[in-house]
Amino acid sequence: MTLYLLRQESLTRYIEHTTETVFLDVEAGREKAHAKHGENSIESVAATDFGKWLAILGEEHGEVCHALTYDQSTTMGELMDKLRAELIDVATVATAWIAAIDTWMEPNGEELGA
């Protein structure tokens, strides 16, 4: 467990940050995305549909880049909150793609991590 100190305006806040917290946020992101997009969600994309995966991942990466443009945040705290949310979205897509690859490999007789 690591404590990060973030400064937002004159307020200092401590955020307990663990890998488990990040993965719980990613899992919640996948569930939220599936609820929002239904059969068109990332949970329905075939592992071998590389173009679609790259387009989705690229869009999320673009959101991270957009958050860093000069006119997006008024405080460092807002920027950090926005960056964290967008990076969770990137991780959400990446873990969904990894899960799709793992699901594809198992019935095709491939060893995971080989």
Protein backbone atom coordinates (compact mmCIF):
# COMPACT_ATOMS: atom_id res chain seq x y z
CA MET A 1 0.00 0.00 0.00
CA THR A 2 1.34 3.44 -0.96
CA LEU A 3 0.11 6.84 0.07
CA TYR A 4 0.18 9.62 -2.50
CA LEU A 5 -0.02 13.25 -1.51
CA LEU A 6 -1.98 15.38 -3.93
CA ARG A 7 -2.33 19.15 -3.66
CA GLN A 8 -5.61 20.64 -4.89
CA GLU A 9 -5.97 24.40 -4.42
CA SER A 10 -5.09 24.96 -0.75
CA LEU A 11 -6.38 21.55 0.29
CA THR A 12 -4.03 18.61 0.76
CA ARG A 13 -5.57 15.20 0.59
CA TYR A 14 -4.19 11.72 0.98
CA ILE A 15 -5.39 8.98 -1.26
CA GLU A 16 -4.87 5.38 -0.35
CA HIS A 17 -3.75 3.74 -3.52
CA THR A 18 -3.30 0.05 -4.12
CA THR A 19 -3.07 -2.14 -7.18
CA GLU A 20 -6.28 -3.80 -6.01
CA THR A 21 -8.06 -0.43 -6.08
CA VAL A 22 -6.94 0.14 -9.66
CA PHE A 23 -8.11 -3.31 -10.76
CA LEU A 24 -11.45 -2.84 -9.01
CA ASP A 25 -11.87 0.44 -10.91
CA VAL A 26 -10.97 -1.31 -14.18
CA GLU A 27 -13.48 -4.09 -13.47
CA ALA A 28 -16.15 -1.49 -12.71
CA GLY A 29 -15.23 0.28 -15.95
CA ARG A 30 -15.74 -2.90 -17.96
CA GLU A 31 -19.12 -3.48 -16.32
CA LYS A 32 -20.15 0.15 -16.93
CA ALA A 33 -19.04 0.01 -20.57
CA HIS A 34 -20.95 -3.23 -21.13
CA ALA A 35 -24.09 -1.80 -19.53
CA LYS A 36 -23.81 1.32 -21.71
CA HIS A 37 -22.99 -0.36 -25.04
CA GLY A 38 -24.66 -3.77 -24.64
CA GLU A 39 -23.91 -6.13 -27.50
CA ASN A 40 -21.60 -3.48 -28.99
CA SER A 41 -19.41 -3.33 -25.88
CA ILE A 42 -15.76 -4.32 -25.70
CA GLU A 43 -16.88 -7.60 -24.14
CA SER A 44 -18.26 -8.59 -27.56
CA VAL A 45 -15.21 -7.81 -29.70
CA ALA A 46 -13.41 -10.85 -31.09
CA ALA A 47 -9.78 -11.18 -30.01
CA THR A 48 -8.73 -11.28 -33.65
CA ASP A 49 -10.57 -8.08 -34.64
CA PHE A 50 -7.33 -6.11 -34.37
CA GLY A 51 -8.61 -3.07 -36.21
CA LYS A 52 -11.54 -2.62 -33.85
CA TRP A 53 -9.36 -3.13 -30.75
CA LEU A 54 -6.80 -0.62 -32.00
CA ALA A 55 -9.51 1.90 -32.82
CA ILE A 56 -11.06 1.59 -29.34
CA LEU A 57 -7.70 1.67 -27.56
CA GLY A 58 -6.56 4.58 -29.74
CA GLU A 59 -9.69 6.54 -28.90
CA GLU A 60 -9.07 6.06 -25.19
CA HIS A 61 -5.40 7.02 -25.60
CA GLY A 62 -6.60 10.14 -27.41
CA GLU A 63 -8.73 11.04 -24.39
CA VAL A 64 -5.61 10.92 -22.20
CA CYS A 65 -3.82 13.21 -24.65
CA HIS A 66 -6.81 15.54 -24.80
CA ALA A 67 -6.87 15.83 -21.00
CA LEU A 68 -3.32 17.20 -21.21
CA THR A 69 -4.17 20.06 -23.57
CA TYR A 70 -3.81 23.56 -22.17
CA ASP A 71 -7.50 24.36 -21.87
CA GLN A 72 -8.85 21.24 -20.15
CA SER A 73 -8.19 21.73 -16.43
CA THR A 74 -8.10 24.68 -14.11
CA THR A 75 -6.22 23.04 -11.23
CA MET A 76 -3.66 20.31 -10.87
CA GLY A 77 -6.17 18.34 -8.79
CA GLU A 78 -8.71 18.44 -11.62
CA LEU A 79 -6.05 17.38 -14.10
CA MET A 80 -4.96 14.45 -11.95
CA ASP A 81 -8.57 13.33 -11.45
CA LYS A 82 -9.20 13.52 -15.22
CA LEU A 83 -5.95 11.72 -16.07
CA ARG A 84 -6.66 8.94 -13.61
CA ALA A 85 -10.16 8.43 -15.04
CA GLU A 86 -8.89 8.38 -18.63
CA LEU A 87 -6.02 6.01 -17.77
CA ILE A 88 -8.51 3.68 -16.08
CA ASP A 89 -10.42 3.70 -19.39
CA VAL A 90 -7.22 2.76 -21.26
CA ALA A 91 -6.60 -0.06 -18.78
CA THR A 92 -10.23 -1.15 -19.11
CA VAL A 93 -9.86 -1.62 -22.87
CA ALA A 94 -6.43 -3.25 -22.54
CA THR A 95 -7.62 -5.79 -19.96
CA ALA A 96 -10.72 -6.59 -22.03
CA TRP A 97 -8.49 -7.24 -25.06
CA ILE A 98 -6.16 -9.43 -22.96
CA ALA A 99 -9.17 -11.37 -21.65
CA ALA A 100 -10.43 -11.84 -25.23
CA ILE A 101 -6.99 -13.13 -26.29
CA ASP A 102 -6.89 -15.53 -23.33
CA THR A 103 -10.38 -16.79 -24.17
CA TRP A 104 -9.38 -17.29 -27.82
CA MET A 105 -6.15 -19.12 -26.96
CA GLU A 106 -7.61 -21.72 -24.60
CA PRO A 107 -9.90 -23.56 -27.06
CA ASN A 108 -7.31 -23.19 -29.82
CA GLY A 109 -4.82 -25.27 -27.86
CA GLU A 110 -2.42 -22.43 -27.26
CA GLU A 111 -0.61 -22.00 -23.97
CA LEU A 112 -1.11 -18.69 -22.21
CA GLY A 113 2.09 -16.70 -21.87
CA ALA A 114 4.00 -19.05 -24.17
